[in-house]
Amino acid sequence: QNGETEVLVLVNHPMETGQRTDPKTKEKIPA
């Protein structure tokens, strides 16, 4: 569009911070 190409990329990835806790096990979810 308008002389340039827009590239859109979608990645199926959890992107975990390492700060959240699993509600079932109460353990930290690894980064």
PDB file of all heavy atoms in Angstrom:
ATOM      1  N   GLN A   1       0.842  -1.186   0.000  1.00  0.00           N
ATOM      2  CA  GLN A   1       0.000   0.000   0.000  1.00  0.00           C
ATOM      3  C   GLN A   1       0.878   1.237   0.000  1.00  0.00           C
ATOM      4  O   GLN A   1       1.834   1.334   0.785  1.00  0.00           O
ATOM      5  CB  GLN A   1      -0.901  -0.004   1.240  1.00  0.00           C
ATOM      6  CG  GLN A   1      -1.944   1.071   1.242  1.00  0.00           C
ATOM      7  CD  GLN A   1      -2.885   0.934   2.428  1.00  0.00           C
ATOM      8  OE1 GLN A   1      -2.612   0.235   3.390  1.00  0.00           O
ATOM      9  NE2 GLN A   1      -4.001   1.612   2.347  1.00  0.00           N
ATOM     10  N   ASN A   2       0.583   2.186  -0.867  1.00  0.00           N
ATOM     11  CA  ASN A   2       1.294   3.463  -0.944  1.00  0.00           C
ATOM     12  C   ASN A   2       2.811   3.302  -1.082  1.00  0.00           C
ATOM     13  O   ASN A   2       3.577   3.999  -0.432  1.00  0.00           O
ATOM     14  CB  ASN A   2       0.978   4.321   0.285  1.00  0.00           C
ATOM     15  CG  ASN A   2      -0.492   4.658   0.391  1.00  0.00           C
ATOM     16  OD1 ASN A   2      -1.173   4.830  -0.615  1.00  0.00           O
ATOM     17  ND2 ASN A   2      -0.997   4.724   1.609  1.00  0.00           N
ATOM     18  N   GLY A   3       3.238   2.352  -1.906  1.00  0.00           N
ATOM     19  CA  GLY A   3       4.663   2.189  -2.185  1.00  0.00           C
ATOM     20  C   GLY A   3       5.472   1.475  -1.122  1.00  0.00           C
ATOM     21  O   GLY A   3       6.693   1.448  -1.199  1.00  0.00           O
ATOM     22  N   GLU A   4       4.831   0.922  -0.115  1.00  0.00           N
ATOM     23  CA  GLU A   4       5.544   0.145   0.885  1.00  0.00           C
ATOM     24  C   GLU A   4       4.749  -1.113   1.210  1.00  0.00           C
ATOM     25  O   GLU A   4       3.562  -1.204   0.964  1.00  0.00           O
ATOM     26  CB  GLU A   4       5.831   0.964   2.150  1.00  0.00           C
ATOM     27  CG  GLU A   4       4.646   1.638   2.757  1.00  0.00           C
ATOM     28  CD  GLU A   4       5.039   2.603   3.877  1.00  0.00           C
ATOM     29  OE1 GLU A   4       6.202   3.040   3.951  1.00  0.00           O
ATOM     30  OE2 GLU A   4       4.156   2.911   4.670  1.00  0.00           O
ATOM     31  N   THR A   5       5.461  -2.095   1.765  1.00  0.00           N
ATOM     32  CA  THR A   5       4.836  -3.369   2.102  1.00  0.00           C
ATOM     33  C   THR A   5       4.737  -3.492   3.610  1.00  0.00           C
ATOM     34  O   THR A   5       5.742  -3.375   4.313  1.00  0.00           O
ATOM     35  CB  THR A   5       5.655  -4.551   1.540  1.00  0.00           C
ATOM     36  OG1 THR A   5       5.713  -4.413   0.116  1.00  0.00           O
ATOM     37  CG2 THR A   5       5.025  -5.880   1.894  1.00  0.00           C
ATOM     38  N   GLU A   6       3.510  -3.713   4.082  1.00  0.00           N
ATOM     39  CA  GLU A   6       3.312  -3.976   5.502  1.00  0.00           C
ATOM     40  C   GLU A   6       3.397  -5.478   5.706  1.00  0.00           C
ATOM     41  O   GLU A   6       2.734  -6.244   5.017  1.00  0.00           O
ATOM     42  CB  GLU A   6       1.958  -3.466   5.978  1.00  0.00           C
ATOM     43  CG  GLU A   6       1.734  -3.715   7.448  1.00  0.00           C
ATOM     44  CD  GLU A   6       0.407  -3.205   7.953  1.00  0.00           C
ATOM     45  OE1 GLU A   6      -0.559  -3.159   7.170  1.00  0.00           O
ATOM     46  OE2 GLU A   6       0.342  -2.862   9.137  1.00  0.00           O
ATOM     47  N   VAL A   7       4.234  -5.894   6.646  1.00  0.00           N
ATOM     48  CA  VAL A   7       4.404  -7.302   6.976  1.00  0.00           C
ATOM     49  C   VAL A   7       3.807  -7.515   8.363  1.00  0.00           C
ATOM     50  O   VAL A   7       4.232  -6.882   9.327  1.00  0.00           O
ATOM     51  CB  VAL A   7       5.893  -7.710   6.970  1.00  0.00           C
ATOM     52  CG1 VAL A   7       6.052  -9.178   7.316  1.00  0.00           C
ATOM     53  CG2 VAL A   7       6.531  -7.389   5.629  1.00  0.00           C
ATOM     54  N   LEU A   8       2.806  -8.388   8.448  1.00  0.00           N
ATOM     55  CA  LEU A   8       2.168  -8.724   9.723  1.00  0.00           C
ATOM     56  C   LEU A   8       2.561 -10.144  10.096  1.00  0.00           C
ATOM     57  O   LEU A   8       2.407 -11.061   9.292  1.00  0.00           O
ATOM     58  CB  LEU A   8       0.654  -8.646   9.609  1.00  0.00           C
ATOM     59  CG  LEU A   8       0.059  -7.257   9.483  1.00  0.00           C
ATOM     60  CD1 LEU A   8      -1.390  -7.338   9.047  1.00  0.00           C
ATOM     61  CD2 LEU A   8       0.172  -6.531  10.800  1.00  0.00           C
ATOM     62  N   VAL A   9       3.062 -10.317  11.319  1.00  0.00           N
ATOM     63  CA  VAL A   9       3.491 -11.631  11.788  1.00  0.00           C
ATOM     64  C   VAL A   9       2.754 -11.950  13.087  1.00  0.00           C
ATOM     65  O   VAL A   9       2.753 -11.140  14.019  1.00  0.00           O
ATOM     66  CB  VAL A   9       5.013 -11.661  12.039  1.00  0.00           C
ATOM     67  CG1 VAL A   9       5.446 -13.008  12.584  1.00  0.00           C
ATOM     68  CG2 VAL A   9       5.767 -11.321  10.773  1.00  0.00           C
ATOM     69  N   LEU A  10       2.142 -13.122  13.123  1.00  0.00           N
ATOM     70  CA  LEU A  10       1.451 -13.605  14.316  1.00  0.00           C
ATOM     71  C   LEU A  10       2.153 -14.872  14.781  1.00  0.00           C
ATOM     72  O   LEU A  10       2.284 -15.834  14.022  1.00  0.00           O
ATOM     73  CB  LEU A  10      -0.015 -13.906  14.014  1.00  0.00           C
ATOM     74  CG  LEU A  10      -0.839 -14.500  15.152  1.00  0.00           C
ATOM     75  CD1 LEU A  10      -0.986 -13.505  16.291  1.00  0.00           C
ATOM     76  CD2 LEU A  10      -2.202 -14.928  14.643  1.00  0.00           C
ATOM     77  N   VAL A  11       2.617 -14.865  16.043  1.00  0.00           N
ATOM     78  CA  VAL A  11       3.314 -16.022  16.600  1.00  0.00           C
ATOM     79  C   VAL A  11       2.481 -16.594  17.748  1.00  0.00           C
ATOM     80  O   VAL A  11       2.095 -15.861  18.660  1.00  0.00           O
ATOM     81  CB  VAL A  11       4.718 -15.642  17.131  1.00  0.00           C
ATOM     82  CG1 VAL A  11       5.421 -16.863  17.700  1.00  0.00           C
ATOM     83  CG2 VAL A  11       5.559 -15.015  16.030  1.00  0.00           C
ATOM     84  N   ASN A  12       2.225 -17.887  17.699  1.00  0.00           N
ATOM     85  CA  ASN A  12       1.546 -18.574  18.786  1.00  0.00           C
ATOM     86  C   ASN A  12       2.595 -18.836  19.873  1.00  0.00           C
ATOM     87  O   ASN A  12       3.406 -19.747  19.754  1.00  0.00           O
ATOM     88  CB  ASN A  12       0.939 -19.880  18.278  1.00  0.00           C
ATOM     89  CG  ASN A  12       0.275 -20.679  19.365  1.00  0.00           C
ATOM     90  OD1 ASN A  12      -0.005 -20.161  20.433  1.00  0.00           O
ATOM     91  ND2 ASN A  12       0.043 -21.943  19.098  1.00  0.00           N
ATOM     92  N   HIS A  13       2.590 -17.991  20.921  1.00  0.00           N
ATOM     93  CA  HIS A  13       3.628 -18.072  21.946  1.00  0.00           C
ATOM     94  C   HIS A  13       3.064 -17.598  23.282  1.00  0.00           C
ATOM     95  O   HIS A  13       2.339 -16.611  23.335  1.00  0.00           O
ATOM     96  CB  HIS A  13       4.824 -17.202  21.547  1.00  0.00           C
ATOM     97  CG  HIS A  13       6.073 -17.538  22.271  1.00  0.00           C
ATOM     98  ND1 HIS A  13       6.312 -17.121  23.564  1.00  0.00           N
ATOM     99  CD2 HIS A  13       7.151 -18.264  21.902  1.00  0.00           C
ATOM    100  CE1 HIS A  13       7.495 -17.572  23.942  1.00  0.00           C
ATOM    101  NE2 HIS A  13       8.024 -18.269  22.951  1.00  0.00           N
ATOM    102  N   PRO A  14       3.416 -18.264  24.405  1.00  0.00           N
ATOM    103  CA  PRO A  14       2.829 -17.897  25.698  1.00  0.00           C
ATOM    104  C   PRO A  14       3.298 -16.558  26.271  1.00  0.00           C
ATOM    105  O   PRO A  14       2.579 -15.931  27.036  1.00  0.00           O
ATOM    106  CB  PRO A  14       3.248 -19.042  26.622  1.00  0.00           C
ATOM    107  CG  PRO A  14       4.484 -19.593  26.005  1.00  0.00           C
ATOM    108  CD  PRO A  14       4.292 -19.432  24.518  1.00  0.00           C
ATOM    109  N   MET A  15       4.515 -16.120  25.949  1.00  0.00           N
ATOM    110  CA  MET A  15       5.047 -14.849  26.423  1.00  0.00           C
ATOM    111  C   MET A  15       4.854 -14.674  27.933  1.00  0.00           C
ATOM    112  O   MET A  15       4.283 -13.701  28.412  1.00  0.00           O
ATOM    113  CB  MET A  15       4.414 -13.685  25.656  1.00  0.00           C
ATOM    114  CG  MET A  15       4.660 -13.726  24.154  1.00  0.00           C
ATOM    115  SD  MET A  15       6.390 -13.669  23.653  1.00  0.00           S
ATOM    116  CE  MET A  15       6.775 -11.954  23.952  1.00  0.00           C
ATOM    117  N   GLU A  16       5.367 -15.615  28.695  1.00  0.00           N
ATOM    118  CA  GLU A  16       5.262 -15.579  30.160  1.00  0.00           C
ATOM    119  C   GLU A  16       6.370 -14.719  30.770  1.00  0.00           C
ATOM    120  O   GLU A  16       7.529 -14.820  30.378  1.00  0.00           O
ATOM    121  CB  GLU A  16       5.335 -16.987  30.746  1.00  0.00           C
ATOM    122  CG  GLU A  16       4.094 -17.807  30.545  1.00  0.00           C
ATOM    123  CD  GLU A  16       2.890 -17.295  31.339  1.00  0.00           C
ATOM    124  OE1 GLU A  16       3.060 -16.489  32.282  1.00  0.00           O
ATOM    125  OE2 GLU A  16       1.770 -17.702  31.001  1.00  0.00           O
ATOM    126  N   THR A  17       6.016 -13.935  31.776  1.00  0.00           N
ATOM    127  CA  THR A  17       6.975 -13.029  32.422  1.00  0.00           C
ATOM    128  C   THR A  17       7.800 -13.697  33.512  1.00  0.00           C
ATOM    129  O   THR A  17       8.839 -13.187  33.899  1.00  0.00           O
ATOM    130  CB  THR A  17       6.240 -11.846  33.086  1.00  0.00           C
ATOM    131  OG1 THR A  17       5.437 -12.352  34.149  1.00  0.00           O
ATOM    132  CG2 THR A  17       5.397 -11.089  32.087  1.00  0.00           C
ATOM    133  N   GLY A  18       7.302 -14.801  34.038  1.00  0.00           N
ATOM    134  CA  GLY A  18       7.955 -15.439  35.171  1.00  0.00           C
ATOM    135  C   GLY A  18       7.426 -14.913  36.499  1.00  0.00           C
ATOM    136  O   GLY A  18       7.871 -15.326  37.565  1.00  0.00           O
ATOM    137  N   GLN A  19       6.455 -14.012  36.445  1.00  0.00           N
ATOM    138  CA  GLN A  19       5.888 -13.409  37.649  1.00  0.00           C
ATOM    139  C   GLN A  19       4.532 -14.002  38.042  1.00  0.00           C
ATOM    140  O   GLN A  19       4.109 -13.864  39.179  1.00  0.00           O
ATOM    141  CB  GLN A  19       5.707 -11.896  37.443  1.00  0.00           C
ATOM    142  CG  GLN A  19       6.992 -11.180  37.132  1.00  0.00           C
ATOM    143  CD  GLN A  19       8.008 -11.305  38.248  1.00  0.00           C
ATOM    144  OE1 GLN A  19       7.700 -11.064  39.407  1.00  0.00           O
ATOM    145  NE2 GLN A  19       9.222 -11.715  37.908  1.00  0.00           N
ATOM    146  N   ARG A  20       3.851 -14.652  37.089  1.00  0.00           N
ATOM    147  CA  ARG A  20       2.527 -15.210  37.385  1.00  0.00           C
ATOM    148  C   ARG A  20       2.645 -16.534  38.129  1.00  0.00           C
ATOM    149  O   ARG A  20       3.626 -17.251  37.999  1.00  0.00           O
ATOM    150  CB  ARG A  20       1.734 -15.443  36.094  1.00  0.00           C
ATOM    151  CG  ARG A  20       1.304 -14.173  35.432  1.00  0.00           C
ATOM    152  CD  ARG A  20       0.386 -14.335  34.236  1.00  0.00           C
ATOM    153  NE  ARG A  20       0.498 -15.569  33.499  1.00  0.00           N
ATOM    154  CZ  ARG A  20      -0.507 -16.448  33.355  1.00  0.00           C
ATOM    155  NH1 ARG A  20      -1.685 -16.226  33.896  1.00  0.00           N
ATOM    156  NH2 ARG A  20      -0.334 -17.535  32.646  1.00  0.00           N
ATOM    157  N   THR A  21       1.590 -16.855  38.871  1.00  0.00           N
ATOM    158  CA  THR A  21       1.510 -18.102  39.620  1.00  0.00           C
ATOM    159  C   THR A  21       0.425 -18.978  39.022  1.00  0.00           C
ATOM    160  O   THR A  21      -0.666 -18.490  38.707  1.00  0.00           O
ATOM    161  CB  THR A  21       1.181 -17.815  41.099  1.00  0.00           C
ATOM    162  OG1 THR A  21       2.170 -16.929  41.617  1.00  0.00           O
ATOM    163  CG2 THR A  21       1.173 -19.075  41.920  1.00  0.00           C
ATOM    164  N   ASP A  22       0.709 -20.264  38.862  1.00  0.00           N
ATOM    165  CA  ASP A  22      -0.287 -21.208  38.378  1.00  0.00           C
ATOM    166  C   ASP A  22      -1.373 -21.342  39.451  1.00  0.00           C
ATOM    167  O   ASP A  22      -1.071 -21.677  40.594  1.00  0.00           O
ATOM    168  CB  ASP A  22       0.373 -22.564  38.114  1.00  0.00           C
ATOM    169  CG  ASP A  22      -0.574 -23.564  37.489  1.00  0.00           C
ATOM    170  OD1 ASP A  22      -1.685 -23.753  38.030  1.00  0.00           O
ATOM    171  OD2 ASP A  22      -0.199 -24.172  36.474  1.00  0.00           O
ATOM    172  N   PRO A  23      -2.644 -21.094  39.097  1.00  0.00           N
ATOM    173  CA  PRO A  23      -3.703 -21.137  40.109  1.00  0.00           C
ATOM    174  C   PRO A  23      -3.919 -22.519  40.717  1.00  0.00           C
ATOM    175  O   PRO A  23      -4.372 -22.631  41.850  1.00  0.00           O
ATOM    176  CB  PRO A  23      -4.950 -20.669  39.360  1.00  0.00           C
ATOM    177  CG  PRO A  23      -4.626 -20.709  37.922  1.00  0.00           C
ATOM    178  CD  PRO A  23      -3.139 -20.716  37.785  1.00  0.00           C
ATOM    179  N   LYS A  24      -3.585 -23.565  39.992  1.00  0.00           N
ATOM    180  CA  LYS A  24      -3.789 -24.928  40.507  1.00  0.00           C
ATOM    181  C   LYS A  24      -2.651 -25.379  41.416  1.00  0.00           C
ATOM    182  O   LYS A  24      -2.885 -25.912  42.493  1.00  0.00           O
ATOM    183  CB  LYS A  24      -3.956 -25.910  39.345  1.00  0.00           C
ATOM    184  CG  LYS A  24      -5.233 -25.696  38.567  1.00  0.00           C
ATOM    185  CD  LYS A  24      -5.362 -26.671  37.420  1.00  0.00           C
ATOM    186  CE  LYS A  24      -6.621 -26.364  36.630  1.00  0.00           C
ATOM    187  NZ  LYS A  24      -6.741 -27.171  35.437  1.00  0.00           N
ATOM    188  N   THR A  25      -1.411 -25.168  40.973  1.00  0.00           N
ATOM    189  CA  THR A  25      -0.259 -25.663  41.734  1.00  0.00           C
ATOM    190  C   THR A  25       0.317 -24.625  42.697  1.00  0.00           C
ATOM    191  O   THR A  25       1.122 -24.958  43.550  1.00  0.00           O
ATOM    192  CB  THR A  25       0.870 -26.105  40.776  1.00  0.00           C
ATOM    193  OG1 THR A  25       1.358 -24.947  40.077  1.00  0.00           O
ATOM    194  CG2 THR A  25       0.399 -27.160  39.805  1.00  0.00           C
ATOM    195  N   LYS A  26      -0.042 -23.366  42.497  1.00  0.00           N
ATOM    196  CA  LYS A  26       0.474 -22.240  43.307  1.00  0.00           C
ATOM    197  C   LYS A  26       1.969 -22.005  43.107  1.00  0.00           C
ATOM    198  O   LYS A  26       2.607 -21.318  43.889  1.00  0.00           O
ATOM    199  CB  LYS A  26       0.180 -22.434  44.806  1.00  0.00           C
ATOM    200  CG  LYS A  26      -1.275 -22.693  45.121  1.00  0.00           C
ATOM    201  CD  LYS A  26      -2.120 -21.516  44.777  1.00  0.00           C
ATOM    202  CE  LYS A  26      -3.568 -21.778  45.200  1.00  0.00           C
ATOM    203  NZ  LYS A  26      -4.529 -21.119  44.398  1.00  0.00           N
ATOM    204  N   GLU A  27       2.525 -22.588  42.036  1.00  0.00           N
ATOM    205  CA  GLU A  27       3.942 -22.389  41.719  1.00  0.00           C
ATOM    206  C   GLU A  27       4.089 -21.335  40.625  1.00  0.00           C
ATOM    207  O   GLU A  27       3.193 -21.143  39.809  1.00  0.00           O
ATOM    208  CB  GLU A  27       4.571 -23.705  41.264  1.00  0.00           C
ATOM    209  CG  GLU A  27       4.639 -24.748  42.366  1.00  0.00           C
ATOM    210  CD  GLU A  27       5.301 -26.025  41.901  1.00  0.00           C
ATOM    211  OE1 GLU A  27       5.894 -26.045  40.811  1.00  0.00           O
ATOM    212  OE2 GLU A  27       5.222 -27.011  42.647  1.00  0.00           O
ATOM    213  N   LYS A  28       5.235 -20.673  40.633  1.00  0.00           N
ATOM    214  CA  LYS A  28       5.508 -19.661  39.598  1.00  0.00           C
ATOM    215  C   LYS A  28       5.580 -20.335  38.229  1.00  0.00           C
ATOM    216  O   LYS A  28       6.157 -21.408  38.080  1.00  0.00           O
ATOM    217  CB  LYS A  28       6.838 -18.954  39.864  1.00  0.00           C
ATOM    218  CG  LYS A  28       6.815 -18.044  41.047  1.00  0.00           C
ATOM    219  CD  LYS A  28       6.490 -16.651  40.631  1.00  0.00           C
ATOM    220  CE  LYS A  28       6.619 -15.739  41.844  1.00  0.00           C
ATOM    221  NZ  LYS A  28       6.188 -14.425  41.576  1.00  0.00           N
ATOM    222  N   ILE A  29       4.993 -19.675  37.220  1.00  0.00           N
ATOM    223  CA  ILE A  29       5.103 -20.128  35.842  1.00  0.00           C
ATOM    224  C   ILE A  29       6.441 -19.598  35.325  1.00  0.00           C
ATOM    225  O   ILE A  29       6.694 -18.393  35.398  1.00  0.00           O
ATOM    226  CB  ILE A  29       3.934 -19.609  34.990  1.00  0.00           C
ATOM    227  CG1 ILE A  29       2.608 -20.140  35.558  1.00  0.00           C
ATOM    228  CG2 ILE A  29       4.116 -19.999  33.526  1.00  0.00           C
ATOM    229  CD1 ILE A  29       1.373 -19.521  34.941  1.00  0.00           C
ATOM    230  N   PRO A  30       7.316 -20.480  34.803  1.00  0.00           N
ATOM    231  CA  PRO A  30       8.642 -20.034  34.356  1.00  0.00           C
ATOM    232  C   PRO A  30       8.569 -18.989  33.234  1.00  0.00           C
ATOM    233  O   PRO A  30       7.666 -19.021  32.396  1.00  0.00           O
ATOM    234  CB  PRO A  30       9.305 -21.308  33.831  1.00  0.00           C
ATOM    235  CG  PRO A  30       8.528 -22.428  34.428  1.00  0.00           C
ATOM    236  CD  PRO A  30       7.142 -21.919  34.651  1.00  0.00           C
ATOM    237  N   ALA A  31       9.505 -18.075  33.240  1.00  0.00           N
ATOM    238  CA  ALA A  31       9.597 -17.058  32.189  1.00  0.00           C
ATOM    239  C   ALA A  31       9.807 -17.729  30.833  1.00  0.00           C
ATOM    240  O   ALA A  31      10.550 -18.700  30.722  1.00  0.00           O
ATOM    241  CB  ALA A  31      10.740 -16.099  32.487  1.00  0.00           C
TER     242      ALA A  31
END
